[in-house]
PDB file of all heavy atoms in Angstrom:
ATOM      1  N   GLY A   1       7.246  -2.831   8.653  1.00  0.00           N
ATOM      2  CA  GLY A   1       7.873  -1.541   8.355  1.00  0.00           C
ATOM      3  C   GLY A   1       7.726  -1.169   6.890  1.00  0.00           C
ATOM      4  O   GLY A   1       7.472  -0.014   6.545  1.00  0.00           O
ATOM      5  N   PHE A   2       7.876  -2.158   6.001  1.00  0.00           N
ATOM      6  CA  PHE A   2       7.706  -1.922   4.569  1.00  0.00           C
ATOM      7  C   PHE A   2       6.278  -1.491   4.255  1.00  0.00           C
ATOM      8  O   PHE A   2       6.054  -0.520   3.529  1.00  0.00           O
ATOM      9  CB  PHE A   2       8.058  -3.195   3.784  1.00  0.00           C
ATOM     10  CG  PHE A   2       7.770  -3.079   2.319  1.00  0.00           C
ATOM     11  CD1 PHE A   2       8.640  -2.414   1.482  1.00  0.00           C
ATOM     12  CD2 PHE A   2       6.617  -3.633   1.778  1.00  0.00           C
ATOM     13  CE1 PHE A   2       8.371  -2.293   0.128  1.00  0.00           C
ATOM     14  CE2 PHE A   2       6.341  -3.524   0.430  1.00  0.00           C
ATOM     15  CZ  PHE A   2       7.222  -2.849  -0.405  1.00  0.00           C
ATOM     16  N   ALA A   3       5.305  -2.213   4.819  1.00  0.00           N
ATOM     17  CA  ALA A   3       3.898  -1.887   4.565  1.00  0.00           C
ATOM     18  C   ALA A   3       3.557  -0.492   5.075  1.00  0.00           C
ATOM     19  O   ALA A   3       2.846   0.265   4.402  1.00  0.00           O
ATOM     20  CB  ALA A   3       2.992  -2.936   5.206  1.00  0.00           C
ATOM     21  N   ILE A   4       4.074  -0.131   6.233  1.00  0.00           N
ATOM     22  CA  ILE A   4       3.831   1.206   6.783  1.00  0.00           C
ATOM     23  C   ILE A   4       4.371   2.276   5.838  1.00  0.00           C
ATOM     24  O   ILE A   4       3.700   3.261   5.542  1.00  0.00           O
ATOM     25  CB  ILE A   4       4.459   1.341   8.185  1.00  0.00           C
ATOM     26  CG1 ILE A   4       3.669   0.490   9.190  1.00  0.00           C
ATOM     27  CG2 ILE A   4       4.517   2.800   8.627  1.00  0.00           C
ATOM     28  CD1 ILE A   4       4.367   0.308  10.525  1.00  0.00           C
ATOM     29  N   GLN A   5       5.587   2.072   5.342  1.00  0.00           N
ATOM     30  CA  GLN A   5       6.192   3.066   4.430  1.00  0.00           C
ATOM     31  C   GLN A   5       5.424   3.158   3.116  1.00  0.00           C
ATOM     32  O   GLN A   5       5.169   4.244   2.611  1.00  0.00           O
ATOM     33  CB  GLN A   5       7.660   2.719   4.164  1.00  0.00           C
ATOM     34  CG  GLN A   5       8.387   3.740   3.334  1.00  0.00           C
ATOM     35  CD  GLN A   5       8.423   5.108   3.991  1.00  0.00           C
ATOM     36  OE1 GLN A   5       8.664   5.235   5.177  1.00  0.00           O
ATOM     37  NE2 GLN A   5       8.185   6.153   3.213  1.00  0.00           N
ATOM     38  N   GLU A   6       5.047   2.020   2.551  1.00  0.00           N
ATOM     39  CA  GLU A   6       4.282   2.015   1.301  1.00  0.00           C
ATOM     40  C   GLU A   6       2.948   2.737   1.474  1.00  0.00           C
ATOM     41  O   GLU A   6       2.544   3.531   0.626  1.00  0.00           O
ATOM     42  CB  GLU A   6       4.016   0.574   0.843  1.00  0.00           C
ATOM     43  CG  GLU A   6       5.155  -0.066   0.121  1.00  0.00           C
ATOM     44  CD  GLU A   6       5.291   0.439  -1.295  1.00  0.00           C
ATOM     45  OE1 GLU A   6       4.548   0.005  -2.184  1.00  0.00           O
ATOM     46  OE2 GLU A   6       6.174   1.285  -1.519  1.00  0.00           O
ATOM     47  N   LEU A   7       2.256   2.447   2.572  1.00  0.00           N
ATOM     48  CA  LEU A   7       0.961   3.091   2.808  1.00  0.00           C
ATOM     49  C   LEU A   7       1.132   4.582   3.082  1.00  0.00           C
ATOM     50  O   LEU A   7       0.299   5.388   2.661  1.00  0.00           O
ATOM     51  CB  LEU A   7       0.231   2.400   3.959  1.00  0.00           C
ATOM     52  CG  LEU A   7      -0.300   1.010   3.606  1.00  0.00           C
ATOM     53  CD1 LEU A   7      -0.681   0.240   4.866  1.00  0.00           C
ATOM     54  CD2 LEU A   7      -1.485   1.117   2.645  1.00  0.00           C
ATOM     55  N   ALA A   8       2.218   4.970   3.750  1.00  0.00           N
ATOM     56  CA  ALA A   8       2.472   6.397   3.987  1.00  0.00           C
ATOM     57  C   ALA A   8       2.662   7.134   2.657  1.00  0.00           C
ATOM     58  O   ALA A   8       2.122   8.232   2.468  1.00  0.00           O
ATOM     59  CB  ALA A   8       3.695   6.578   4.883  1.00  0.00           C
ATOM     60  N   LEU A   9       3.408   6.529   1.741  1.00  0.00           N
ATOM     61  CA  LEU A   9       3.611   7.156   0.427  1.00  0.00           C
ATOM     62  C   LEU A   9       2.286   7.269  -0.331  1.00  0.00           C
ATOM     63  O   LEU A   9       2.008   8.279  -0.972  1.00  0.00           O
ATOM     64  CB  LEU A   9       4.625   6.356  -0.390  1.00  0.00           C
ATOM     65  CG  LEU A   9       6.064   6.386   0.138  1.00  0.00           C
ATOM     66  CD1 LEU A   9       6.920   5.367  -0.594  1.00  0.00           C
ATOM     67  CD2 LEU A   9       6.650   7.778   0.035  1.00  0.00           C
ATOM     68  N   TYR A  10       1.471   6.226  -0.263  1.00  0.00           N
ATOM     69  CA  TYR A  10       0.162   6.256  -0.915  1.00  0.00           C
ATOM     70  C   TYR A  10      -0.725   7.334  -0.287  1.00  0.00           C
ATOM     71  O   TYR A  10      -1.382   8.103  -0.986  1.00  0.00           O
ATOM     72  CB  TYR A  10      -0.500   4.879  -0.807  1.00  0.00           C
ATOM     73  CG  TYR A  10      -1.939   4.872  -1.259  1.00  0.00           C
ATOM     74  CD1 TYR A  10      -2.260   4.870  -2.610  1.00  0.00           C
ATOM     75  CD2 TYR A  10      -2.977   4.888  -0.336  1.00  0.00           C
ATOM     76  CE1 TYR A  10      -3.580   4.876  -3.032  1.00  0.00           C
ATOM     77  CE2 TYR A  10      -4.299   4.893  -0.748  1.00  0.00           C
ATOM     78  CZ  TYR A  10      -4.594   4.890  -2.096  1.00  0.00           C
ATOM     79  OH  TYR A  10      -5.902   4.910  -2.514  1.00  0.00           O
ATOM     80  N   LEU A  11      -0.732   7.408   1.047  1.00  0.00           N
ATOM     81  CA  LEU A  11      -1.575   8.390   1.738  1.00  0.00           C
ATOM     82  C   LEU A  11      -1.125   9.827   1.487  1.00  0.00           C
ATOM     83  O   LEU A  11      -1.923  10.753   1.620  1.00  0.00           O
ATOM     84  CB  LEU A  11      -1.621   8.080   3.239  1.00  0.00           C
ATOM     85  CG  LEU A  11      -2.454   6.846   3.600  1.00  0.00           C
ATOM     86  CD1 LEU A  11      -2.161   6.409   5.040  1.00  0.00           C
ATOM     87  CD2 LEU A  11      -3.939   7.111   3.397  1.00  0.00           C
ATOM     88  N   ASP A  12       0.137  10.011   1.106  1.00  0.00           N
ATOM     89  CA  ASP A  12       0.600  11.362   0.730  1.00  0.00           C
ATOM     90  C   ASP A  12      -0.209  11.917  -0.435  1.00  0.00           C
ATOM     91  O   ASP A  12      -0.443  13.119  -0.523  1.00  0.00           O
ATOM     92  CB  ASP A  12       2.084  11.345   0.338  1.00  0.00           C
ATOM     93  CG  ASP A  12       3.013  11.238   1.533  1.00  0.00           C
ATOM     94  OD1 ASP A  12       2.552  11.443   2.680  1.00  0.00           O
ATOM     95  OD2 ASP A  12       4.204  10.941   1.323  1.00  0.00           O
ATOM     96  N   THR A  13      -0.619  11.042  -1.344  1.00  0.00           N
ATOM     97  CA  THR A  13      -1.369  11.488  -2.524  1.00  0.00           C
ATOM     98  C   THR A  13      -2.851  11.144  -2.453  1.00  0.00           C
ATOM     99  O   THR A  13      -3.624  11.583  -3.301  1.00  0.00           O
ATOM    100  CB  THR A  13      -0.774  10.875  -3.814  1.00  0.00           C
ATOM    101  OG1 THR A  13      -0.786   9.451  -3.692  1.00  0.00           O
ATOM    102  CG2 THR A  13       0.645  11.383  -4.048  1.00  0.00           C
ATOM    103  N   HIS A  14      -3.247  10.334  -1.467  1.00  0.00           N
ATOM    104  CA  HIS A  14      -4.648   9.931  -1.310  1.00  0.00           C
ATOM    105  C   HIS A  14      -5.046  10.034   0.170  1.00  0.00           C
ATOM    106  O   HIS A  14      -5.404   9.038   0.801  1.00  0.00           O
ATOM    107  CB  HIS A  14      -4.849   8.493  -1.799  1.00  0.00           C
ATOM    108  CG  HIS A  14      -4.532   8.296  -3.239  1.00  0.00           C
ATOM    109  ND1 HIS A  14      -3.245   8.159  -3.701  1.00  0.00           N
ATOM    110  CD2 HIS A  14      -5.342   8.223  -4.320  1.00  0.00           C
ATOM    111  CE1 HIS A  14      -3.274   8.001  -5.015  1.00  0.00           C
ATOM    112  NE2 HIS A  14      -4.533   8.039  -5.415  1.00  0.00           N
ATOM    113  N   PRO A  15      -4.978  11.230   0.745  1.00  0.00           N
ATOM    114  CA  PRO A  15      -5.191  11.380   2.193  1.00  0.00           C
ATOM    115  C   PRO A  15      -6.606  11.041   2.663  1.00  0.00           C
ATOM    116  O   PRO A  15      -6.811  10.837   3.862  1.00  0.00           O
ATOM    117  CB  PRO A  15      -4.868  12.850   2.454  1.00  0.00           C
ATOM    118  CG  PRO A  15      -5.091  13.530   1.149  1.00  0.00           C
ATOM    119  CD  PRO A  15      -4.730  12.518   0.101  1.00  0.00           C
ATOM    120  N   ASP A  16      -7.573  10.962   1.768  1.00  0.00           N
ATOM    121  CA  ASP A  16      -8.955  10.687   2.174  1.00  0.00           C
ATOM    122  C   ASP A  16      -9.347   9.216   2.053  1.00  0.00           C
ATOM    123  O   ASP A  16     -10.499   8.867   2.286  1.00  0.00           O
ATOM    124  CB  ASP A  16      -9.929  11.544   1.342  1.00  0.00           C
ATOM    125  CG  ASP A  16      -9.699  13.022   1.574  1.00  0.00           C
ATOM    126  OD1 ASP A  16      -9.373  13.393   2.723  1.00  0.00           O
ATOM    127  OD2 ASP A  16      -9.831  13.799   0.615  1.00  0.00           O
ATOM    128  N   ASP A  17      -8.400   8.346   1.715  1.00  0.00           N
ATOM    129  CA  ASP A  17      -8.687   6.919   1.583  1.00  0.00           C
ATOM    130  C   ASP A  17      -8.739   6.314   2.991  1.00  0.00           C
ATOM    131  O   ASP A  17      -7.716   5.992   3.596  1.00  0.00           O
ATOM    132  CB  ASP A  17      -7.630   6.236   0.724  1.00  0.00           C
ATOM    133  CG  ASP A  17      -7.969   4.787   0.407  1.00  0.00           C
ATOM    134  OD1 ASP A  17      -8.710   4.153   1.175  1.00  0.00           O
ATOM    135  OD2 ASP A  17      -7.470   4.296  -0.623  1.00  0.00           O
ATOM    136  N   LYS A  18      -9.946   6.170   3.513  1.00  0.00           N
ATOM    137  CA  LYS A  18     -10.147   5.693   4.889  1.00  0.00           C
ATOM    138  C   LYS A  18      -9.659   4.254   5.083  1.00  0.00           C
ATOM    139  O   LYS A  18      -9.113   3.916   6.120  1.00  0.00           O
ATOM    140  CB  LYS A  18     -11.628   5.794   5.284  1.00  0.00           C
ATOM    141  CG  LYS A  18     -12.209   7.185   5.172  1.00  0.00           C
ATOM    142  CD  LYS A  18     -11.557   8.142   6.124  1.00  0.00           C
ATOM    143  CE  LYS A  18     -12.228   9.505   6.029  1.00  0.00           C
ATOM    144  NZ  LYS A  18     -11.362  10.590   6.359  1.00  0.00           N
ATOM    145  N   GLU A  19      -9.867   3.407   4.084  1.00  0.00           N
ATOM    146  CA  GLU A  19      -9.432   2.014   4.177  1.00  0.00           C
ATOM    147  C   GLU A  19      -7.907   1.936   4.316  1.00  0.00           C
ATOM    148  O   GLU A  19      -7.382   1.192   5.147  1.00  0.00           O
ATOM    149  CB  GLU A  19      -9.885   1.246   2.939  1.00  0.00           C
ATOM    150  CG  GLU A  19      -9.484  -0.210   2.931  1.00  0.00           C
ATOM    151  CD  GLU A  19      -9.849  -0.903   1.632  1.00  0.00           C
ATOM    152  OE1 GLU A  19     -10.879  -0.545   1.021  1.00  0.00           O
ATOM    153  OE2 GLU A  19      -9.096  -1.796   1.225  1.00  0.00           O
ATOM    154  N   ALA A  20      -7.187   2.709   3.504  1.00  0.00           N
ATOM    155  CA  ALA A  20      -5.724   2.712   3.569  1.00  0.00           C
ATOM    156  C   ALA A  20      -5.246   3.286   4.902  1.00  0.00           C
ATOM    157  O   ALA A  20      -4.283   2.782   5.492  1.00  0.00           O
ATOM    158  CB  ALA A  20      -5.140   3.506   2.409  1.00  0.00           C
ATOM    159  N   LEU A  21      -5.920   4.313   5.391  1.00  0.00           N
ATOM    160  CA  LEU A  21      -5.544   4.918   6.674  1.00  0.00           C
ATOM    161  C   LEU A  21      -5.755   3.924   7.810  1.00  0.00           C
ATOM    162  O   LEU A  21      -4.918   3.805   8.709  1.00  0.00           O
ATOM    163  CB  LEU A  21      -6.340   6.199   6.913  1.00  0.00           C
ATOM    164  CG  LEU A  21      -6.013   6.952   8.196  1.00  0.00           C
ATOM    165  CD1 LEU A  21      -4.546   7.361   8.242  1.00  0.00           C
ATOM    166  CD2 LEU A  21      -6.921   8.175   8.328  1.00  0.00           C
ATOM    167  N   GLU A  22      -6.841   3.181   7.750  1.00  0.00           N
ATOM    168  CA  GLU A  22      -7.121   2.168   8.773  1.00  0.00           C
ATOM    169  C   GLU A  22      -6.053   1.070   8.740  1.00  0.00           C
ATOM    170  O   GLU A  22      -5.562   0.629   9.786  1.00  0.00           O
ATOM    171  CB  GLU A  22      -8.508   1.577   8.511  1.00  0.00           C
ATOM    172  CG  GLU A  22      -9.000   0.657   9.593  1.00  0.00           C
ATOM    173  CD  GLU A  22     -10.417   0.187   9.311  1.00  0.00           C
ATOM    174  OE1 GLU A  22     -11.300   1.021   9.034  1.00  0.00           O
ATOM    175  OE2 GLU A  22     -10.617  -1.051   9.359  1.00  0.00           O
ATOM    176  N   LEU A  23      -5.678   0.623   7.545  1.00  0.00           N
ATOM    177  CA  LEU A  23      -4.638  -0.392   7.403  1.00  0.00           C
ATOM    178  C   LEU A  23      -3.287   0.137   7.887  1.00  0.00           C
ATOM    179  O   LEU A  23      -2.543  -0.567   8.581  1.00  0.00           O
ATOM    180  CB  LEU A  23      -4.555  -0.844   5.939  1.00  0.00           C
ATOM    181  CG  LEU A  23      -3.654  -2.023   5.621  1.00  0.00           C
ATOM    182  CD1 LEU A  23      -4.060  -3.265   6.414  1.00  0.00           C
ATOM    183  CD2 LEU A  23      -3.687  -2.308   4.119  1.00  0.00           C
ATOM    184  N   TYR A  24      -2.988   1.386   7.552  1.00  0.00           N
ATOM    185  CA  TYR A  24      -1.751   2.048   7.987  1.00  0.00           C
ATOM    186  C   TYR A  24      -1.662   2.050   9.513  1.00  0.00           C
ATOM    187  O   TYR A  24      -0.638   1.678  10.093  1.00  0.00           O
ATOM    188  CB  TYR A  24      -1.751   3.469   7.423  1.00  0.00           C
ATOM    189  CG  TYR A  24      -0.631   4.360   7.871  1.00  0.00           C
ATOM    190  CD1 TYR A  24       0.654   4.203   7.381  1.00  0.00           C
ATOM    191  CD2 TYR A  24      -0.871   5.405   8.768  1.00  0.00           C
ATOM    192  CE1 TYR A  24       1.678   5.050   7.770  1.00  0.00           C
ATOM    193  CE2 TYR A  24       0.141   6.255   9.162  1.00  0.00           C
ATOM    194  CZ  TYR A  24       1.419   6.066   8.659  1.00  0.00           C
ATOM    195  OH  TYR A  24       2.432   6.906   9.050  1.00  0.00           O
ATOM    196  N   ARG A  25      -2.736   2.442  10.170  1.00  0.00           N
ATOM    197  CA  ARG A  25      -2.751   2.493  11.641  1.00  0.00           C
ATOM    198  C   ARG A  25      -2.668   1.092  12.243  1.00  0.00           C
ATOM    199  O   ARG A  25      -2.029   0.895  13.279  1.00  0.00           O
ATOM    200  CB  ARG A  25      -3.995   3.231  12.118  1.00  0.00           C
ATOM    201  CG  ARG A  25      -3.904   4.719  11.849  1.00  0.00           C
ATOM    202  CD  ARG A  25      -5.099   5.468  12.355  1.00  0.00           C
ATOM    203  NE  ARG A  25      -4.913   6.902  12.151  1.00  0.00           N
ATOM    204  CZ  ARG A  25      -5.908   7.737  11.994  1.00  0.00           C
ATOM    205  NH1 ARG A  25      -7.170   7.318  12.024  1.00  0.00           N
ATOM    206  NH2 ARG A  25      -5.667   9.023  11.814  1.00  0.00           N
ATOM    207  N   ALA A  26      -3.298   0.110  11.613  1.00  0.00           N
ATOM    208  CA  ALA A  26      -3.228  -1.265  12.110  1.00  0.00           C
ATOM    209  C   ALA A  26      -1.786  -1.782  12.039  1.00  0.00           C
ATOM    210  O   ALA A  26      -1.301  -2.414  12.992  1.00  0.00           O
ATOM    211  CB  ALA A  26      -4.159  -2.173  11.302  1.00  0.00           C
ATOM    212  N   TYR A  27      -1.096  -1.502  10.926  1.00  0.00           N
ATOM    213  CA  TYR A  27       0.308  -1.920  10.816  1.00  0.00           C
ATOM    214  C   TYR A  27       1.181  -1.184  11.823  1.00  0.00           C
ATOM    215  O   TYR A  27       2.110  -1.770  12.385  1.00  0.00           O
ATOM    216  CB  TYR A  27       0.844  -1.709   9.393  1.00  0.00           C
ATOM    217  CG  TYR A  27       0.514  -2.838   8.459  1.00  0.00           C
ATOM    218  CD1 TYR A  27      -0.227  -2.625   7.307  1.00  0.00           C
ATOM    219  CD2 TYR A  27       0.957  -4.132   8.705  1.00  0.00           C
ATOM    220  CE1 TYR A  27      -0.529  -3.659   6.435  1.00  0.00           C
ATOM    221  CE2 TYR A  27       0.663  -5.171   7.845  1.00  0.00           C
ATOM    222  CZ  TYR A  27      -0.079  -4.929   6.715  1.00  0.00           C
ATOM    223  OH  TYR A  27      -0.374  -5.954   5.860  1.00  0.00           O
ATOM    224  N   GLN A  28       0.915   0.098  12.056  1.00  0.00           N
ATOM    225  CA  GLN A  28       1.682   0.835  13.064  1.00  0.00           C
ATOM    226  C   GLN A  28       1.527   0.177  14.429  1.00  0.00           C
ATOM    227  O   GLN A  28       2.503   0.017  15.169  1.00  0.00           O
ATOM    228  CB  GLN A  28       1.227   2.290  13.141  1.00  0.00           C
ATOM    229  CG  GLN A  28       1.697   3.156  12.015  1.00  0.00           C
ATOM    230  CD  GLN A  28       1.206   4.584  12.191  1.00  0.00           C
ATOM    231  OE1 GLN A  28       0.040   4.829  12.501  1.00  0.00           O
ATOM    232  NE2 GLN A  28       2.103   5.522  11.999  1.00  0.00           N
ATOM    233  N   ASP A  29       0.292  -0.194  14.775  1.00  0.00           N
ATOM    234  CA  ASP A  29       0.027  -0.830  16.063  1.00  0.00           C
ATOM    235  C   ASP A  29       0.729  -2.180  16.151  1.00  0.00           C
ATOM    236  O   ASP A  29       1.374  -2.487  17.153  1.00  0.00           O
ATOM    237  CB  ASP A  29      -1.486  -0.984  16.251  1.00  0.00           C
ATOM    238  CG  ASP A  29      -1.838  -1.505  17.628  1.00  0.00           C
ATOM    239  OD1 ASP A  29      -1.318  -0.945  18.625  1.00  0.00           O
ATOM    240  OD2 ASP A  29      -2.626  -2.468  17.708  1.00  0.00           O
ATOM    241  N   MET A  30       0.634  -2.989  15.093  1.00  0.00           N
ATOM    242  CA  MET A  30       1.309  -4.294  15.080  1.00  0.00           C
ATOM    243  C   MET A  30       2.825  -4.125  15.177  1.00  0.00           C
ATOM    244  O   MET A  30       3.503  -4.893  15.864  1.00  0.00           O
ATOM    245  CB  MET A  30       0.954  -5.075  13.818  1.00  0.00           C
ATOM    246  CG  MET A  30      -0.452  -5.621  13.821  1.00  0.00           C
ATOM    247  SD  MET A  30      -0.780  -6.762  12.444  1.00  0.00           S
ATOM    248  CE  MET A  30      -0.721  -5.663  11.037  1.00  0.00           C
ATOM    249  N   MET A  31       3.363  -3.116  14.485  1.00  0.00           N
ATOM    250  CA  MET A  31       4.805  -2.861  14.510  1.00  0.00           C
ATOM    251  C   MET A  31       5.257  -2.502  15.920  1.00  0.00           C
ATOM    252  O   MET A  31       6.263  -3.017  16.406  1.00  0.00           O
ATOM    253  CB  MET A  31       5.152  -1.735  13.521  1.00  0.00           C
ATOM    254  CG  MET A  31       6.600  -1.382  13.467  1.00  0.00           C
ATOM    255  SD  MET A  31       7.487  -2.583  12.484  1.00  0.00           S
ATOM    256  CE  MET A  31       9.020  -1.736  12.252  1.00  0.00           C
ATOM    257  N   HIS A  32       4.505  -1.630  16.565  1.00  0.00           N
ATOM    258  CA  HIS A  32       4.859  -1.217  17.932  1.00  0.00           C
ATOM    259  C   HIS A  32       4.850  -2.436  18.870  1.00  0.00           C
ATOM    260  O   HIS A  32       5.795  -2.655  19.619  1.00  0.00           O
ATOM    261  CB  HIS A  32       3.893  -0.143  18.427  1.00  0.00           C
ATOM    262  CG  HIS A  32       4.128   0.249  19.852  1.00  0.00           C
ATOM    263  ND1 HIS A  32       5.212   1.005  20.237  1.00  0.00           N
ATOM    264  CD2 HIS A  32       3.438  -0.027  20.977  1.00  0.00           C
ATOM    265  CE1 HIS A  32       5.178   1.174  21.542  1.00  0.00           C
ATOM    266  NE2 HIS A  32       4.098   0.558  22.017  1.00  0.00           N
TER     267      HIS A  32
END
């Protein structure tokens, strides 16, 4: 949950960072 929130805040200012988006989605899947 912490990693998801941190990456969401980062993606707010860096929406085109594909690596961060991929990591964000992977953590969302693991969290679910």
